Amino acid sequence: MSLRVLRTVSHPPSHQPEPGRRHNEAGDLVLSELNPHAVVDDIDGDVEPLNLLTFGSVREVCPKCQQTHLKLVLRQHSVRMAHLFCADCASCFDAHYADGEPALTI
């Protein structure tokens, strides 16, 4: 699988979360590894790497390689579902709170 992170979109430091945004009091996220073929279209279809637009790093570290902060990848042209991505080991993860509430949905 060859995935390449194209660029990261970030908000200016003065950006404040919207008041209506949901926050979960449970704290840490529970990560579940996803099959990359179920998350991203045409992983092996082209010889050229896919360009994924990421939306910054999150505080969670990859549970597989345990050294890299995961990057948030939202739905886009070839991405079927929002997920967290490790650029070092090319793993994809879903995230939810301990109470089962999804963390990557709006």
C-alpha atoms as a PDB file:
ATOM      1  CA  MET A   1       0.000   0.000   0.000  1.00  0.00           C
ATOM      2  CA  SER A   2       1.392   3.369  -0.893  1.00  0.00           C
ATOM      3  CA  LEU A   3      -0.288   6.342   0.715  1.00  0.00           C
ATOM      4  CA  ARG A   4       1.238   9.784   0.715  1.00  0.00           C
ATOM      5  CA  VAL A   5       0.077  12.613   2.926  1.00  0.00           C
ATOM      6  CA  LEU A   6      -0.377  15.576   0.627  1.00  0.00           C
ATOM      7  CA  ARG A   7      -0.778  18.406   3.103  1.00  0.00           C
ATOM      8  CA  THR A   8      -2.220  19.242   6.466  1.00  0.00           C
ATOM      9  CA  VAL A   9      -4.921  21.831   6.986  1.00  0.00           C
ATOM     10  CA  SER A  10      -4.719  23.685  10.275  1.00  0.00           C
ATOM     11  CA  HIS A  11      -6.629  26.462  11.923  1.00  0.00           C
ATOM     12  CA  PRO A  12      -4.941  29.623  13.150  1.00  0.00           C
ATOM     13  CA  PRO A  13      -3.989  29.508  16.856  1.00  0.00           C
ATOM     14  CA  SER A  14      -6.794  31.922  17.682  1.00  0.00           C
ATOM     15  CA  HIS A  15      -9.445  29.474  16.415  1.00  0.00           C
ATOM     16  CA  GLN A  16     -11.791  28.534  19.239  1.00  0.00           C
ATOM     17  CA  PRO A  17     -14.040  25.466  19.176  1.00  0.00           C
ATOM     18  CA  GLU A  18     -17.654  26.233  18.386  1.00  0.00           C
ATOM     19  CA  PRO A  19     -19.869  26.456  21.488  1.00  0.00           C
ATOM     20  CA  GLY A  20     -22.251  23.796  20.140  1.00  0.00           C
ATOM     21  CA  ARG A  21     -19.495  21.241  19.646  1.00  0.00           C
ATOM     22  CA  ARG A  22     -19.956  17.990  21.559  1.00  0.00           C
ATOM     23  CA  HIS A  23     -17.391  16.997  24.153  1.00  0.00           C
ATOM     24  CA  ASN A  24     -17.266  13.630  25.843  1.00  0.00           C
ATOM     25  CA  GLU A  25     -16.274  13.504  29.476  1.00  0.00           C
ATOM     26  CA  ALA A  26     -14.879   9.963  29.122  1.00  0.00           C
ATOM     27  CA  GLY A  27     -11.479  11.307  28.067  1.00  0.00           C
ATOM     28  CA  ASP A  28      -9.198   8.951  26.143  1.00  0.00           C
ATOM     29  CA  LEU A  29     -10.222   7.457  22.838  1.00  0.00           C
ATOM     30  CA  VAL A  30     -10.484   3.746  22.139  1.00  0.00           C
ATOM     31  CA  LEU A  31      -8.788   2.950  18.811  1.00  0.00           C
ATOM     32  CA  SER A  32      -9.786   0.069  16.538  1.00  0.00           C
ATOM     33  CA  GLU A  33      -7.613  -0.835  13.564  1.00  0.00           C
ATOM     34  CA  LEU A  34      -9.395  -0.691  10.217  1.00  0.00           C
ATOM     35  CA  ASN A  35      -8.613  -2.549   7.020  1.00  0.00           C
ATOM     36  CA  PRO A  36      -7.178   0.148   4.705  1.00  0.00           C
ATOM     37  CA  HIS A  37      -9.051  -1.399   1.754  1.00  0.00           C
ATOM     38  CA  ALA A  38     -12.346  -0.733   3.566  1.00  0.00           C
ATOM     39  CA  VAL A  39     -11.421   2.911   4.218  1.00  0.00           C
ATOM     40  CA  VAL A  40      -9.614   4.095   1.078  1.00  0.00           C
ATOM     41  CA  ASP A  41     -10.592   3.318  -2.527  1.00  0.00           C
ATOM     42  CA  ASP A  42      -8.092   1.991  -5.050  1.00  0.00           C
ATOM     43  CA  ILE A  43      -5.145   1.506  -2.703  1.00  0.00           C
ATOM     44  CA  ASP A  44      -3.525  -1.010  -5.033  1.00  0.00           C
ATOM     45  CA  GLY A  45      -5.230   0.168  -8.230  1.00  0.00           C
ATOM     46  CA  ASP A  46      -2.659   2.720  -9.327  1.00  0.00           C
ATOM     47  CA  VAL A  47       1.092   2.651  -9.364  1.00  0.00           C
ATOM     48  CA  GLU A  48       1.099   6.249  -8.147  1.00  0.00           C
ATOM     49  CA  PRO A  49       0.601   6.866  -4.423  1.00  0.00           C
ATOM     50  CA  LEU A  50      -2.722   8.252  -3.247  1.00  0.00           C
ATOM     51  CA  ASN A  51      -2.719  11.837  -2.049  1.00  0.00           C
ATOM     52  CA  LEU A  52      -4.585  12.203   1.228  1.00  0.00           C
ATOM     53  CA  LEU A  53      -5.487  15.520   2.766  1.00  0.00           C
ATOM     54  CA  THR A  54      -5.047  15.371   6.541  1.00  0.00           C
ATOM     55  CA  PHE A  55      -6.444  17.800   9.087  1.00  0.00           C
ATOM     56  CA  GLY A  56      -3.686  17.829  11.677  1.00  0.00           C
ATOM     57  CA  SER A  57      -2.276  15.474  14.245  1.00  0.00           C
ATOM     58  CA  VAL A  58      -4.220  14.271  17.262  1.00  0.00           C
ATOM     59  CA  ARG A  59      -2.859  13.539  20.729  1.00  0.00           C
ATOM     60  CA  GLU A  60      -3.212   9.759  20.293  1.00  0.00           C
ATOM     61  CA  VAL A  61      -0.083   7.835  19.345  1.00  0.00           C
ATOM     62  CA  CYS A  62      -0.220   4.912  16.925  1.00  0.00           C
ATOM     63  CA  PRO A  63      -0.820   1.712  18.915  1.00  0.00           C
ATOM     64  CA  LYS A  64       1.168  -0.329  16.365  1.00  0.00           C
ATOM     65  CA  CYS A  65       4.442   1.578  16.047  1.00  0.00           C
ATOM     66  CA  GLN A  66       3.938   3.552  19.305  1.00  0.00           C
ATOM     67  CA  GLN A  67       6.010   6.521  18.195  1.00  0.00           C
ATOM     68  CA  THR A  68       3.940   8.669  15.849  1.00  0.00           C
ATOM     69  CA  HIS A  69       0.936  10.875  16.545  1.00  0.00           C
ATOM     70  CA  LEU A  70      -1.982   9.894  14.356  1.00  0.00           C
ATOM     71  CA  LYS A  71      -3.359  12.249  11.709  1.00  0.00           C
ATOM     72  CA  LEU A  72      -7.030  12.971  11.158  1.00  0.00           C
ATOM     73  CA  VAL A  73      -8.241  12.081   7.655  1.00  0.00           C
ATOM     74  CA  LEU A  74     -11.774  13.186   6.759  1.00  0.00           C
ATOM     75  CA  ARG A  75     -13.910  11.884   3.891  1.00  0.00           C
ATOM     76  CA  GLN A  76     -12.683  13.037   0.493  1.00  0.00           C
ATOM     77  CA  HIS A  77     -12.470  11.847  -3.116  1.00  0.00           C
ATOM     78  CA  SER A  78     -10.956   8.413  -2.447  1.00  0.00           C
ATOM     79  CA  VAL A  79     -11.611   8.167   1.311  1.00  0.00           C
ATOM     80  CA  ARG A  80     -14.833   6.395   2.297  1.00  0.00           C
ATOM     81  CA  MET A  81     -14.867   7.252   5.993  1.00  0.00           C
ATOM     82  CA  ALA A  82     -13.148   9.573   8.444  1.00  0.00           C
ATOM     83  CA  HIS A  83     -10.327   7.851  10.303  1.00  0.00           C
ATOM     84  CA  LEU A  84      -6.993   8.343  12.057  1.00  0.00           C
ATOM     85  CA  PHE A  85      -3.902   7.511  10.005  1.00  0.00           C
ATOM     86  CA  CYS A  86      -0.327   6.675  10.978  1.00  0.00           C
ATOM     87  CA  ALA A  87       2.056   8.017   8.343  1.00  0.00           C
ATOM     88  CA  ASP A  88       4.900   5.789   9.592  1.00  0.00           C
ATOM     89  CA  CYS A  89       3.287   2.344   9.425  1.00  0.00           C
ATOM     90  CA  ALA A  90       0.360   3.263   7.097  1.00  0.00           C
ATOM     91  CA  SER A  91      -2.271   1.946   9.521  1.00  0.00           C
ATOM     92  CA  CYS A  92      -5.831   3.254   9.746  1.00  0.00           C
ATOM     93  CA  PHE A  93      -7.880   3.474  12.939  1.00  0.00           C
ATOM     94  CA  ASP A  94     -11.430   4.270  13.962  1.00  0.00           C
ATOM     95  CA  ALA A  95     -11.906   6.104  17.255  1.00  0.00           C
ATOM     96  CA  HIS A  96     -14.681   6.011  19.823  1.00  0.00           C
ATOM     97  CA  TYR A  97     -15.106   6.879  23.471  1.00  0.00           C
ATOM     98  CA  ALA A  98     -15.230   4.274  26.240  1.00  0.00           C
ATOM     99  CA  ASP A  99     -19.024   4.541  26.335  1.00  0.00           C
ATOM    100  CA  GLY A 100     -19.174   3.517  22.645  1.00  0.00           C
ATOM    101  CA  GLU A 101     -19.962   6.951  21.242  1.00  0.00           C
ATOM    102  CA  PRO A 102     -18.134   7.534  17.932  1.00  0.00           C
ATOM    103  CA  ALA A 103     -15.438  10.209  18.147  1.00  0.00           C
ATOM    104  CA  LEU A 104     -15.026  10.940  14.438  1.00  0.00           C
ATOM    105  CA  THR A 105     -18.605  11.841  13.523  1.00  0.00           C
ATOM    106  CA  ILE A 106     -20.142  15.276  13.476  1.00  0.00           C
END
